[in-house]
């Protein structure tokens, strides 16, 4: 079942552990922090150089980075710049640990995006308080960011979230040669529902379809309201055949849904589905959307309440191979 984005805004549970990456060339600092922070709800990881710190940050996507700006040969400032230039780590708060008390160094660190600056030798109680403040601010910013990506009527992810995640999933599928599929779901004759029964019933239908989509999809699927009466389902790690089976289950479930406020109402959907076992030919999300829309149009044109689908070639240039 696809996760409910509204429920995911509740923040960490009492046993959630914030992930903290410590980047310092001194093994003593790592040992000290691990010993003094072992009773805090933290998951600590270590790196000892610029390159190792960057690689670990990308791999674990921490909630906070403690960075020794005094790494050899200006590695600390270079790493801070790299972290803030990288989209995946740009928003992760960085607290500087440094033996430098020069105002110029502090200004450089803050200009590059550090959220706090603690001088060595540091007081552990003060450092712990500053870490908690940085983590709390980061959590609140994440919650606000999520709310900005949720559709207010259906509670699904919205178009902005879809655009971001579709691009990320396509990049990941292309990099590792993994399968990826996309479905576009459009309600049939929805204007007639609004014209006949009124917009409150139309809104209830959209909410009901959203519930079906959440129920029938899997935890890994991304269900979004694309716009109006159209929805999108991004299916990572899903080959075209499995995507078609899932889409057919969704289509049947929506068609079997009953609407207590309007018992005579029968709602159906048309769907366009495309997928690849290892995306290569279509490099851009816009291409995927356009070709999936083309399949959706074919489903509408051929009578509605049906699915049209196509396979995206893995490596050979050319058109999609229509499959129905």
C-alpha atoms as a PDB file:
ATOM      1  CA  UNK A   1       0.000   0.000   0.000  1.00  0.00           C
ATOM      2  CA  UNK A   2       1.309   3.429  -0.925  1.00  0.00           C
ATOM      3  CA  UNK A   3       2.190   5.584   2.114  1.00  0.00           C
ATOM      4  CA  UNK A   4      -0.213   8.370   3.051  1.00  0.00           C
ATOM      5  CA  UNK A   5       1.760  11.634   2.817  1.00  0.00           C
ATOM      6  CA  UNK A   6      -0.463  13.300   5.411  1.00  0.00           C
ATOM      7  CA  UNK A   7       0.356  10.622   7.967  1.00  0.00           C
ATOM      8  CA  UNK A   8       4.074  10.917   7.192  1.00  0.00           C
ATOM      9  CA  UNK A   9       4.057  14.533   8.433  1.00  0.00           C
ATOM     10  CA  UNK A  10       3.689  13.530  12.057  1.00  0.00           C
ATOM     11  CA  UNK A  11       7.470  13.634  12.524  1.00  0.00           C
ATOM     12  CA  UNK A  12       9.733  11.023  14.100  1.00  0.00           C
ATOM     13  CA  UNK A  13       8.360   8.632  16.664  1.00  0.00           C
ATOM     14  CA  UNK A  14       9.795   8.427  20.146  1.00  0.00           C
ATOM     15  CA  UNK A  15      12.253   5.736  19.096  1.00  0.00           C
ATOM     16  CA  UNK A  16      13.362   7.463  15.874  1.00  0.00           C
ATOM     17  CA  UNK A  17      17.090   8.141  15.639  1.00  0.00           C
ATOM     18  CA  UNK A  18      18.503  11.177  13.881  1.00  0.00           C
ATOM     19  CA  UNK A  19      21.434  10.383  11.604  1.00  0.00           C
ATOM     20  CA  UNK A  20      24.556  12.446  12.252  1.00  0.00           C
ATOM     21  CA  UNK A  21      27.721  12.363  10.139  1.00  0.00           C
ATOM     22  CA  UNK A  22      30.948  13.423  11.854  1.00  0.00           C
ATOM     23  CA  UNK A  23      33.695  14.598   9.491  1.00  0.00           C
ATOM     24  CA  UNK A  24      36.971  15.191  11.322  1.00  0.00           C
ATOM     25  CA  UNK A  25      40.543  14.043  10.704  1.00  0.00           C
ATOM     26  CA  UNK A  26      41.092  13.383  14.418  1.00  0.00           C
ATOM     27  CA  UNK A  27      40.213   9.894  15.621  1.00  0.00           C
ATOM     28  CA  UNK A  28      40.154  11.281  19.183  1.00  0.00           C
ATOM     29  CA  UNK A  29      37.289  13.639  18.295  1.00  0.00           C
ATOM     30  CA  UNK A  30      35.287  10.736  16.868  1.00  0.00           C
ATOM     31  CA  UNK A  31      35.867   8.643  19.985  1.00  0.00           C
ATOM     32  CA  UNK A  32      34.962  11.532  22.279  1.00  0.00           C
ATOM     33  CA  UNK A  33      31.717  12.331  20.462  1.00  0.00           C
ATOM     34  CA  UNK A  34      30.666   8.692  20.280  1.00  0.00           C
ATOM     35  CA  UNK A  35      31.307   8.235  23.989  1.00  0.00           C
ATOM     36  CA  UNK A  36      29.522  11.407  25.082  1.00  0.00           C
ATOM     37  CA  UNK A  37      26.574  11.109  22.692  1.00  0.00           C
ATOM     38  CA  UNK A  38      25.936   7.388  23.087  1.00  0.00           C
ATOM     39  CA  UNK A  39      22.832   7.942  25.227  1.00  0.00           C
ATOM     40  CA  UNK A  40      21.281  10.428  22.790  1.00  0.00           C
ATOM     41  CA  UNK A  41      18.812   9.239  20.144  1.00  0.00           C
ATOM     42  CA  UNK A  42      21.441   9.510  17.405  1.00  0.00           C
ATOM     43  CA  UNK A  43      22.861   7.238  14.739  1.00  0.00           C
ATOM     44  CA  UNK A  44      26.485   8.341  14.307  1.00  0.00           C
ATOM     45  CA  UNK A  45      28.680   7.762  11.285  1.00  0.00           C
ATOM     46  CA  UNK A  46      32.275   8.846  10.698  1.00  0.00           C
ATOM     47  CA  UNK A  47      34.453  10.202   7.906  1.00  0.00           C
ATOM     48  CA  UNK A  48      38.032  11.476   8.096  1.00  0.00           C
ATOM     49  CA  UNK A  49      38.587  13.418   4.858  1.00  0.00           C
ATOM     50  CA  UNK A  50      36.865  15.602   2.293  1.00  0.00           C
ATOM     51  CA  UNK A  51      36.201  12.871  -0.260  1.00  0.00           C
ATOM     52  CA  UNK A  52      35.162  10.305   2.330  1.00  0.00           C
ATOM     53  CA  UNK A  53      32.871  12.849   3.976  1.00  0.00           C
ATOM     54  CA  UNK A  54      31.197  13.682   0.678  1.00  0.00           C
ATOM     55  CA  UNK A  55      30.725  10.014  -0.246  1.00  0.00           C
ATOM     56  CA  UNK A  56      29.284   9.149   3.173  1.00  0.00           C
ATOM     57  CA  UNK A  57      26.930  12.152   3.066  1.00  0.00           C
ATOM     58  CA  UNK A  58      25.552  11.052  -0.312  1.00  0.00           C
ATOM     59  CA  UNK A  59      25.214   7.448   0.824  1.00  0.00           C
ATOM     60  CA  UNK A  60      23.451   8.063   4.155  1.00  0.00           C
ATOM     61  CA  UNK A  61      21.761  11.443   3.578  1.00  0.00           C
ATOM     62  CA  UNK A  62      22.178  12.453   7.239  1.00  0.00           C
ATOM     63  CA  UNK A  63      19.955  14.773   9.250  1.00  0.00           C
ATOM     64  CA  UNK A  64      22.995  16.699  10.501  1.00  0.00           C
ATOM     65  CA  UNK A  65      26.682  16.992   9.647  1.00  0.00           C
ATOM     66  CA  UNK A  66      29.372  17.934  12.160  1.00  0.00           C
ATOM     67  CA  UNK A  67      32.247  19.207  10.023  1.00  0.00           C
ATOM     68  CA  UNK A  68      35.784  20.003  11.094  1.00  0.00           C
ATOM     69  CA  UNK A  69      36.611  23.027   8.971  1.00  0.00           C
ATOM     70  CA  UNK A  70      40.269  22.563   9.886  1.00  0.00           C
ATOM     71  CA  UNK A  71      40.728  19.487   7.696  1.00  0.00           C
ATOM     72  CA  UNK A  72      44.132  19.623   5.946  1.00  0.00           C
ATOM     73  CA  UNK A  73      44.697  21.941   2.945  1.00  0.00           C
ATOM     74  CA  UNK A  74      41.323  23.708   3.163  1.00  0.00           C
ATOM     75  CA  UNK A  75      39.419  20.435   2.691  1.00  0.00           C
ATOM     76  CA  UNK A  76      36.797  21.534   5.222  1.00  0.00           C
ATOM     77  CA  UNK A  77      35.664  24.599   3.299  1.00  0.00           C
ATOM     78  CA  UNK A  78      35.834  22.693   0.018  1.00  0.00           C
ATOM     79  CA  UNK A  79      33.663  19.925   1.435  1.00  0.00           C
ATOM     80  CA  UNK A  80      31.146  22.449   2.754  1.00  0.00           C
ATOM     81  CA  UNK A  81      30.951  24.022  -0.701  1.00  0.00           C
ATOM     82  CA  UNK A  82      30.493  20.620  -2.343  1.00  0.00           C
ATOM     83  CA  UNK A  83      27.736  19.653   0.088  1.00  0.00           C
ATOM     84  CA  UNK A  84      25.838  22.875  -0.589  1.00  0.00           C
ATOM     85  CA  UNK A  85      26.259  22.541  -4.359  1.00  0.00           C
ATOM     86  CA  UNK A  86      24.896  18.985  -4.333  1.00  0.00           C
ATOM     87  CA  UNK A  87      21.043  18.907  -4.531  1.00  0.00           C
ATOM     88  CA  UNK A  88      20.794  15.780  -2.357  1.00  0.00           C
ATOM     89  CA  UNK A  89      22.686  17.362   0.578  1.00  0.00           C
ATOM     90  CA  UNK A  90      22.036  21.057   0.003  1.00  0.00           C
ATOM     91  CA  UNK A  91      19.473  21.362   2.787  1.00  0.00           C
ATOM     92  CA  UNK A  92      21.234  19.167   5.364  1.00  0.00           C
ATOM     93  CA  UNK A  93      22.335  21.408   8.268  1.00  0.00           C
ATOM     94  CA  UNK A  94      26.090  21.621   8.814  1.00  0.00           C
ATOM     95  CA  UNK A  95      27.509  22.579  12.207  1.00  0.00           C
ATOM     96  CA  UNK A  96      31.160  23.593  11.989  1.00  0.00           C
ATOM     97  CA  UNK A  97      33.685  22.302  14.535  1.00  0.00           C
ATOM     98  CA  UNK A  98      36.842  24.362  14.333  1.00  0.00           C
ATOM     99  CA  UNK A  99      39.908  25.496  16.183  1.00  0.00           C
ATOM    100  CA  UNK A 100      39.883  28.700  14.129  1.00  0.00           C
ATOM    101  CA  UNK A 101      38.406  31.737  15.889  1.00  0.00           C
ATOM    102  CA  UNK A 102      39.152  34.128  13.047  1.00  0.00           C
ATOM    103  CA  UNK A 103      36.070  36.190  12.059  1.00  0.00           C
ATOM    104  CA  UNK A 104      37.033  35.776   8.391  1.00  0.00           C
ATOM    105  CA  UNK A 105      36.882  31.984   8.658  1.00  0.00           C
ATOM    106  CA  UNK A 106      33.525  32.137  10.425  1.00  0.00           C
ATOM    107  CA  UNK A 107      32.128  34.488   7.785  1.00  0.00           C
ATOM    108  CA  UNK A 108      33.346  32.156   5.017  1.00  0.00           C
ATOM    109  CA  UNK A 109      31.672  29.172   6.683  1.00  0.00           C
ATOM    110  CA  UNK A 110      28.342  30.953   7.118  1.00  0.00           C
ATOM    111  CA  UNK A 111      28.490  32.352   3.579  1.00  0.00           C
ATOM    112  CA  UNK A 112      28.888  28.794   2.279  1.00  0.00           C
ATOM    113  CA  UNK A 113      25.791  27.633   4.178  1.00  0.00           C
ATOM    114  CA  UNK A 114      26.819  26.449   7.657  1.00  0.00           C
ATOM    115  CA  UNK A 115      24.049  26.826  10.250  1.00  0.00           C
ATOM    116  CA  UNK A 116      26.282  27.073  13.327  1.00  0.00           C
ATOM    117  CA  UNK A 117      29.932  27.379  14.328  1.00  0.00           C
ATOM    118  CA  UNK A 118      31.430  25.799  17.456  1.00  0.00           C
ATOM    119  CA  UNK A 119      35.076  26.417  18.365  1.00  0.00           C
ATOM    120  CA  UNK A 120      37.425  23.767  19.749  1.00  0.00           C
ATOM    121  CA  UNK A 121      37.893  22.778  22.465  1.00  0.00           C
ATOM    122  CA  UNK A 122      34.113  22.650  22.667  1.00  0.00           C
ATOM    123  CA  UNK A 123      31.846  22.150  25.646  1.00  0.00           C
ATOM    124  CA  UNK A 124      29.840  18.947  25.069  1.00  0.00           C
ATOM    125  CA  UNK A 125      26.710  20.327  26.723  1.00  0.00           C
ATOM    126  CA  UNK A 126      26.748  23.393  24.491  1.00  0.00           C
ATOM    127  CA  UNK A 127      27.427  21.288  21.400  1.00  0.00           C
ATOM    128  CA  UNK A 128      24.538  18.968  22.257  1.00  0.00           C
ATOM    129  CA  UNK A 129      22.154  21.941  22.603  1.00  0.00           C
ATOM    130  CA  UNK A 130      23.301  23.395  19.272  1.00  0.00           C
ATOM    131  CA  UNK A 131      22.890  20.022  17.586  1.00  0.00           C
ATOM    132  CA  UNK A 132      19.352  19.668  18.937  1.00  0.00           C
ATOM    133  CA  UNK A 133      18.457  23.153  17.703  1.00  0.00           C
ATOM    134  CA  UNK A 134      19.804  22.383  14.218  1.00  0.00           C
ATOM    135  CA  UNK A 135      17.968  19.040  14.084  1.00  0.00           C
ATOM    136  CA  UNK A 136      14.712  20.614  15.272  1.00  0.00           C
ATOM    137  CA  UNK A 137      14.897  23.338  12.623  1.00  0.00           C
ATOM    138  CA  UNK A 138      15.686  20.784   9.919  1.00  0.00           C
ATOM    139  CA  UNK A 139      12.717  18.634  10.939  1.00  0.00           C
ATOM    140  CA  UNK A 140      10.350  21.614  10.804  1.00  0.00           C
ATOM    141  CA  UNK A 141      11.654  22.643   7.390  1.00  0.00           C
ATOM    142  CA  UNK A 142      11.131  19.105   6.112  1.00  0.00           C
ATOM    143  CA  UNK A 143       7.552  19.124   7.398  1.00  0.00           C
ATOM    144  CA  UNK A 144       6.841  22.444   5.679  1.00  0.00           C
ATOM    145  CA  UNK A 145       8.415  21.170   2.482  1.00  0.00           C
ATOM    146  CA  UNK A 146       6.221  18.068   2.537  1.00  0.00           C
ATOM    147  CA  UNK A 147       3.082  20.084   3.146  1.00  0.00           C
ATOM    148  CA  UNK A 148       3.899  22.200   0.110  1.00  0.00           C
ATOM    149  CA  UNK A 149       3.937  19.007  -1.969  1.00  0.00           C
ATOM    150  CA  UNK A 150       0.555  17.620  -0.893  1.00  0.00           C
ATOM    151  CA  UNK A 151      -2.713  18.069  -2.725  1.00  0.00           C
ATOM    152  CA  UNK A 152      -5.186  19.645  -0.332  1.00  0.00           C
ATOM    153  CA  UNK A 153      -8.291  17.824  -1.583  1.00  0.00           C
ATOM    154  CA  UNK A 154      -7.099  14.240  -1.947  1.00  0.00           C
ATOM    155  CA  UNK A 155      -4.125  14.094   0.438  1.00  0.00           C
ATOM    156  CA  UNK A 156      -1.981  12.631  -2.352  1.00  0.00           C
ATOM    157  CA  UNK A 157       1.347  14.042  -3.463  1.00  0.00           C
ATOM    158  CA  UNK A 158       0.857  16.936  -5.877  1.00  0.00           C
ATOM    159  CA  UNK A 159       2.269  17.804  -9.316  1.00  0.00           C
ATOM    160  CA  UNK A 160       5.353  19.529  -7.874  1.00  0.00           C
ATOM    161  CA  UNK A 161       6.249  16.358  -5.971  1.00  0.00           C
ATOM    162  CA  UNK A 162       5.592  14.247  -9.055  1.00  0.00           C
ATOM    163  CA  UNK A 163       7.914  16.355 -11.210  1.00  0.00           C
ATOM    164  CA  UNK A 164      10.712  16.083  -8.653  1.00  0.00           C
ATOM    165  CA  UNK A 165      10.415  12.381  -7.902  1.00  0.00           C
ATOM    166  CA  UNK A 166       9.808  11.293 -11.496  1.00  0.00           C
ATOM    167  CA  UNK A 167      13.084  12.945 -12.478  1.00  0.00           C
ATOM    168  CA  UNK A 168      14.893  11.294  -9.561  1.00  0.00           C
ATOM    169  CA  UNK A 169      13.491   7.829 -10.253  1.00  0.00           C
ATOM    170  CA  UNK A 170      14.271   8.078 -13.966  1.00  0.00           C
ATOM    171  CA  UNK A 171      17.853   9.115 -13.229  1.00  0.00           C
ATOM    172  CA  UNK A 172      18.254   6.230 -10.790  1.00  0.00           C
ATOM    173  CA  UNK A 173      16.746   3.705 -13.208  1.00  0.00           C
ATOM    174  CA  UNK A 174      19.040   4.855 -16.008  1.00  0.00           C
ATOM    175  CA  UNK A 175      22.137   4.849 -13.809  1.00  0.00           C
ATOM    176  CA  UNK A 176      21.649   1.323 -12.473  1.00  0.00           C
ATOM    177  CA  UNK A 177      19.716  -0.235 -15.353  1.00  0.00           C
ATOM    178  CA  UNK A 178      16.634  -0.883 -13.226  1.00  0.00           C
ATOM    179  CA  UNK A 179      13.048  -1.137 -14.512  1.00  0.00           C
ATOM    180  CA  UNK A 180      10.642   1.766 -14.235  1.00  0.00           C
ATOM    181  CA  UNK A 181       6.989   2.246 -15.177  1.00  0.00           C
ATOM    182  CA  UNK A 182       4.499   5.104 -15.203  1.00  0.00           C
ATOM    183  CA  UNK A 183       0.703   5.135 -15.287  1.00  0.00           C
ATOM    184  CA  UNK A 184      -1.617   8.066 -15.944  1.00  0.00           C
ATOM    185  CA  UNK A 185      -5.169   7.647 -14.621  1.00  0.00           C
ATOM    186  CA  UNK A 186      -8.015   9.845 -15.857  1.00  0.00           C
ATOM    187  CA  UNK A 187     -11.667   9.727 -14.752  1.00  0.00           C
ATOM    188  CA  UNK A 188     -14.131   9.114 -17.562  1.00  0.00           C
ATOM    189  CA  UNK A 189     -16.877  11.714 -18.139  1.00  0.00           C
ATOM    190  CA  UNK A 190     -15.958  13.554 -14.954  1.00  0.00           C
ATOM    191  CA  UNK A 191     -17.452  16.818 -16.195  1.00  0.00           C
ATOM    192  CA  UNK A 192     -20.818  15.074 -16.345  1.00  0.00           C
ATOM    193  CA  UNK A 193     -20.457  14.076 -12.697  1.00  0.00           C
ATOM    194  CA  UNK A 194     -19.941  17.709 -11.692  1.00  0.00           C
ATOM    195  CA  UNK A 195     -22.719  18.970 -13.991  1.00  0.00           C
ATOM    196  CA  UNK A 196     -25.239  16.330 -12.894  1.00  0.00           C
ATOM    197  CA  UNK A 197     -24.553  15.948  -9.164  1.00  0.00           C
ATOM    198  CA  UNK A 198     -22.623  19.092  -8.272  1.00  0.00           C
ATOM    199  CA  UNK A 199     -19.025  19.810  -7.328  1.00  0.00           C
ATOM    200  CA  UNK A 200     -19.300  18.441  -3.763  1.00  0.00           C
ATOM    201  CA  UNK A 201     -20.042  15.014  -5.226  1.00  0.00           C
ATOM    202  CA  UNK A 202     -17.251  15.516  -7.744  1.00  0.00           C
ATOM    203  CA  UNK A 203     -14.843  16.274  -4.893  1.00  0.00           C
ATOM    204  CA  UNK A 204     -16.021  13.162  -3.043  1.00  0.00           C
ATOM    205  CA  UNK A 205     -15.341  11.087  -6.154  1.00  0.00           C
ATOM    206  CA  UNK A 206     -11.806  12.460  -6.435  1.00  0.00           C
ATOM    207  CA  UNK A 207     -11.207  11.650  -2.771  1.00  0.00           C
ATOM    208  CA  UNK A 208     -12.643   8.163  -3.206  1.00  0.00           C
ATOM    209  CA  UNK A 209     -10.466   7.446  -6.239  1.00  0.00           C
ATOM    210  CA  UNK A 210      -7.455   8.665  -4.249  1.00  0.00           C
ATOM    211  CA  UNK A 211      -8.305   6.170  -1.486  1.00  0.00           C
ATOM    212  CA  UNK A 212      -8.506   3.336  -4.009  1.00  0.00           C
ATOM    213  CA  UNK A 213      -5.171   4.313  -5.511  1.00  0.00           C
ATOM    214  CA  UNK A 214      -3.516   4.324  -2.081  1.00  0.00           C
ATOM    215  CA  UNK A 215      -5.089   0.985  -1.196  1.00  0.00           C
ATOM    216  CA  UNK A 216      -4.225  -0.839  -4.408  1.00  0.00           C
ATOM    217  CA  UNK A 217      -0.671   0.413  -4.912  1.00  0.00           C
ATOM    218  CA  UNK A 218       2.438  -0.702  -3.085  1.00  0.00           C
ATOM    219  CA  UNK A 219       4.655   0.957  -0.514  1.00  0.00           C
ATOM    220  CA  UNK A 220       7.270   1.754  -3.146  1.00  0.00           C
ATOM    221  CA  UNK A 221       4.822   3.358  -5.603  1.00  0.00           C
ATOM    222  CA  UNK A 222       4.381   7.128  -5.763  1.00  0.00           C
ATOM    223  CA  UNK A 223       0.743   8.157  -6.175  1.00  0.00           C
ATOM    224  CA  UNK A 224       0.141  11.778  -7.171  1.00  0.00           C
ATOM    225  CA  UNK A 225      -2.706  14.006  -8.244  1.00  0.00           C
ATOM    226  CA  UNK A 226      -1.421  15.212 -11.589  1.00  0.00           C
ATOM    227  CA  UNK A 227      -4.122  17.828 -12.050  1.00  0.00           C
ATOM    228  CA  UNK A 228      -7.918  18.093 -12.241  1.00  0.00           C
ATOM    229  CA  UNK A 229      -9.317  14.576 -12.511  1.00  0.00           C
ATOM    230  CA  UNK A 230      -5.997  13.055 -13.598  1.00  0.00           C
ATOM    231  CA  UNK A 231      -3.650  11.037 -11.393  1.00  0.00           C
ATOM    232  CA  UNK A 232      -0.163   9.606 -11.885  1.00  0.00           C
ATOM    233  CA  UNK A 233       1.449   6.496 -10.433  1.00  0.00           C
ATOM    234  CA  UNK A 234       5.241   6.185 -10.605  1.00  0.00           C
ATOM    235  CA  UNK A 235       6.318   2.554 -10.185  1.00  0.00           C
ATOM    236  CA  UNK A 236      10.046   2.172  -9.445  1.00  0.00           C
ATOM    237  CA  UNK A 237      11.637  -1.251  -9.867  1.00  0.00           C
ATOM    238  CA  UNK A 238       8.569  -2.354 -11.852  1.00  0.00           C
ATOM    239  CA  UNK A 239       8.740  -3.907 -15.320  1.00  0.00           C
ATOM    240  CA  UNK A 240       6.021  -3.169 -17.900  1.00  0.00           C
ATOM    241  CA  UNK A 241       4.225  -6.485 -17.419  1.00  0.00           C
ATOM    242  CA  UNK A 242       3.873  -6.036 -13.667  1.00  0.00           C
ATOM    243  CA  UNK A 243       2.863  -2.403 -14.142  1.00  0.00           C
ATOM    244  CA  UNK A 244       0.078  -3.512 -16.450  1.00  0.00           C
ATOM    245  CA  UNK A 245      -1.196  -6.051 -13.885  1.00  0.00           C
ATOM    246  CA  UNK A 246      -1.200  -3.412 -11.150  1.00  0.00           C
ATOM    247  CA  UNK A 247      -2.948  -0.899 -13.397  1.00  0.00           C
ATOM    248  CA  UNK A 248      -5.645  -3.396 -14.314  1.00  0.00           C
ATOM    249  CA  UNK A 249      -6.259  -4.072 -10.625  1.00  0.00           C
ATOM    250  CA  UNK A 250      -6.647  -0.324 -10.050  1.00  0.00           C
ATOM    251  CA  UNK A 251      -9.035   0.054 -12.992  1.00  0.00           C
ATOM    252  CA  UNK A 252     -11.264  -2.786 -11.787  1.00  0.00           C
ATOM    253  CA  UNK A 253     -11.254  -1.568  -8.173  1.00  0.00           C
ATOM    254  CA  UNK A 254     -12.349   1.928  -9.166  1.00  0.00           C
ATOM    255  CA  UNK A 255     -15.079   0.540 -11.421  1.00  0.00           C
ATOM    256  CA  UNK A 256     -16.413  -1.593  -8.548  1.00  0.00           C
ATOM    257  CA  UNK A 257     -16.464   1.289  -6.051  1.00  0.00           C
ATOM    258  CA  UNK A 258     -19.902   2.292  -4.786  1.00  0.00           C
ATOM    259  CA  UNK A 259     -20.814   5.857  -3.823  1.00  0.00           C
ATOM    260  CA  UNK A 260     -23.259   5.937  -0.883  1.00  0.00           C
ATOM    261  CA  UNK A 261     -24.286   9.568  -1.469  1.00  0.00           C
ATOM    262  CA  UNK A 262     -25.210   8.781  -5.093  1.00  0.00           C
ATOM    263  CA  UNK A 263     -25.964   5.024  -5.371  1.00  0.00           C
ATOM    264  CA  UNK A 264     -26.691   5.233  -9.086  1.00  0.00           C
ATOM    265  CA  UNK A 265     -23.269   6.720  -9.868  1.00  0.00           C
ATOM    266  CA  UNK A 266     -20.798   4.492 -11.696  1.00  0.00           C
ATOM    267  CA  UNK A 267     -17.254   5.832 -12.047  1.00  0.00           C
ATOM    268  CA  UNK A 268     -14.672   4.402 -14.430  1.00  0.00           C
ATOM    269  CA  UNK A 269     -11.173   5.422 -15.445  1.00  0.00           C
ATOM    270  CA  UNK A 270      -9.017   5.227 -18.532  1.00  0.00           C
ATOM    271  CA  UNK A 271      -5.315   4.596 -18.119  1.00  0.00           C
ATOM    272  CA  UNK A 272      -2.146   5.028 -20.117  1.00  0.00           C
ATOM    273  CA  UNK A 273       0.804   2.906 -19.001  1.00  0.00           C
ATOM    274  CA  UNK A 274       4.396   2.830 -20.216  1.00  0.00           C
ATOM    275  CA  UNK A 275       7.407   1.036 -18.811  1.00  0.00           C
ATOM    276  CA  UNK A 276      10.933  -0.134 -19.470  1.00  0.00           C
ATOM    277  CA  UNK A 277      13.046  -2.949 -18.107  1.00  0.00           C
ATOM    278  CA  UNK A 278      16.098  -0.624 -18.244  1.00  0.00           C
ATOM    279  CA  UNK A 279      15.287   2.937 -19.376  1.00  0.00           C
ATOM    280  CA  UNK A 280      17.667   4.208 -22.036  1.00  0.00           C
ATOM    281  CA  UNK A 281      15.859   5.680 -24.990  1.00  0.00           C
ATOM    282  CA  UNK A 282      13.717   8.240 -23.157  1.00  0.00           C
ATOM    283  CA  UNK A 283      16.127  10.365 -21.141  1.00  0.00           C
ATOM    284  CA  UNK A 284      13.714  13.051 -19.909  1.00  0.00           C
ATOM    285  CA  UNK A 285      10.639  12.942 -17.658  1.00  0.00           C
ATOM    286  CA  UNK A 286       8.821  15.114 -20.196  1.00  0.00           C
ATOM    287  CA  UNK A 287       9.217  12.372 -22.804  1.00  0.00           C
ATOM    288  CA  UNK A 288       7.733   9.811 -20.429  1.00  0.00           C
ATOM    289  CA  UNK A 289       4.777  12.061 -19.625  1.00  0.00           C
ATOM    290  CA  UNK A 290       4.115  12.830 -23.289  1.00  0.00           C
ATOM    291  CA  UNK A 291       4.214   9.187 -24.351  1.00  0.00           C
ATOM    292  CA  UNK A 292       2.134   8.059 -21.402  1.00  0.00           C
ATOM    293  CA  UNK A 293      -0.428  10.736 -22.259  1.00  0.00           C
ATOM    294  CA  UNK A 294      -0.452   9.391 -25.793  1.00  0.00           C
ATOM    295  CA  UNK A 295      -1.456   5.983 -24.440  1.00  0.00           C
ATOM    296  CA  UNK A 296      -4.094   7.573 -22.229  1.00  0.00           C
ATOM    297  CA  UNK A 297      -5.545   9.344 -25.254  1.00  0.00           C
ATOM    298  CA  UNK A 298      -5.652   6.020 -27.091  1.00  0.00           C
ATOM    299  CA  UNK A 299      -7.576   4.450 -24.203  1.00  0.00           C
ATOM    300  CA  UNK A 300     -10.087   7.308 -24.297  1.00  0.00           C
ATOM    301  CA  UNK A 301     -10.369   7.145 -28.079  1.00  0.00           C
ATOM    302  CA  UNK A 302     -10.988   3.387 -28.046  1.00  0.00           C
ATOM    303  CA  UNK A 303     -13.984   3.531 -25.720  1.00  0.00           C
ATOM    304  CA  UNK A 304     -12.806   4.508 -22.202  1.00  0.00           C
ATOM    305  CA  UNK A 305     -12.746   2.286 -19.109  1.00  0.00           C
ATOM    306  CA  UNK A 306      -9.669   0.552 -20.471  1.00  0.00           C
ATOM    307  CA  UNK A 307      -5.877   0.595 -20.504  1.00  0.00           C
ATOM    308  CA  UNK A 308      -3.547   1.343 -23.396  1.00  0.00           C
ATOM    309  CA  UNK A 309       0.092   0.566 -22.788  1.00  0.00           C
ATOM    310  CA  UNK A 310       3.467   0.529 -24.479  1.00  0.00           C
ATOM    311  CA  UNK A 311       6.994  -0.701 -23.858  1.00  0.00           C
ATOM    312  CA  UNK A 312       9.870   1.762 -23.821  1.00  0.00           C
ATOM    313  CA  UNK A 313      12.861   0.356 -25.742  1.00  0.00           C
ATOM    314  CA  UNK A 314      15.873  -0.218 -23.524  1.00  0.00           C
ATOM    315  CA  UNK A 315      18.622   0.926 -25.842  1.00  0.00           C
ATOM    316  CA  UNK A 316      17.559   1.195 -29.470  1.00  0.00           C
ATOM    317  CA  UNK A 317      16.326   4.544 -30.765  1.00  0.00           C
ATOM    318  CA  UNK A 318      12.848   4.601 -32.187  1.00  0.00           C
ATOM    319  CA  UNK A 319       9.230   4.883 -31.323  1.00  0.00           C
ATOM    320  CA  UNK A 320       7.492   3.113 -28.496  1.00  0.00           C
ATOM    321  CA  UNK A 321       6.230  -0.309 -29.317  1.00  0.00           C
ATOM    322  CA  UNK A 322       2.497  -0.120 -28.782  1.00  0.00           C
ATOM    323  CA  UNK A 323       1.184  -3.057 -26.835  1.00  0.00           C
ATOM    324  CA  UNK A 324      -2.508  -2.400 -26.634  1.00  0.00           C
END
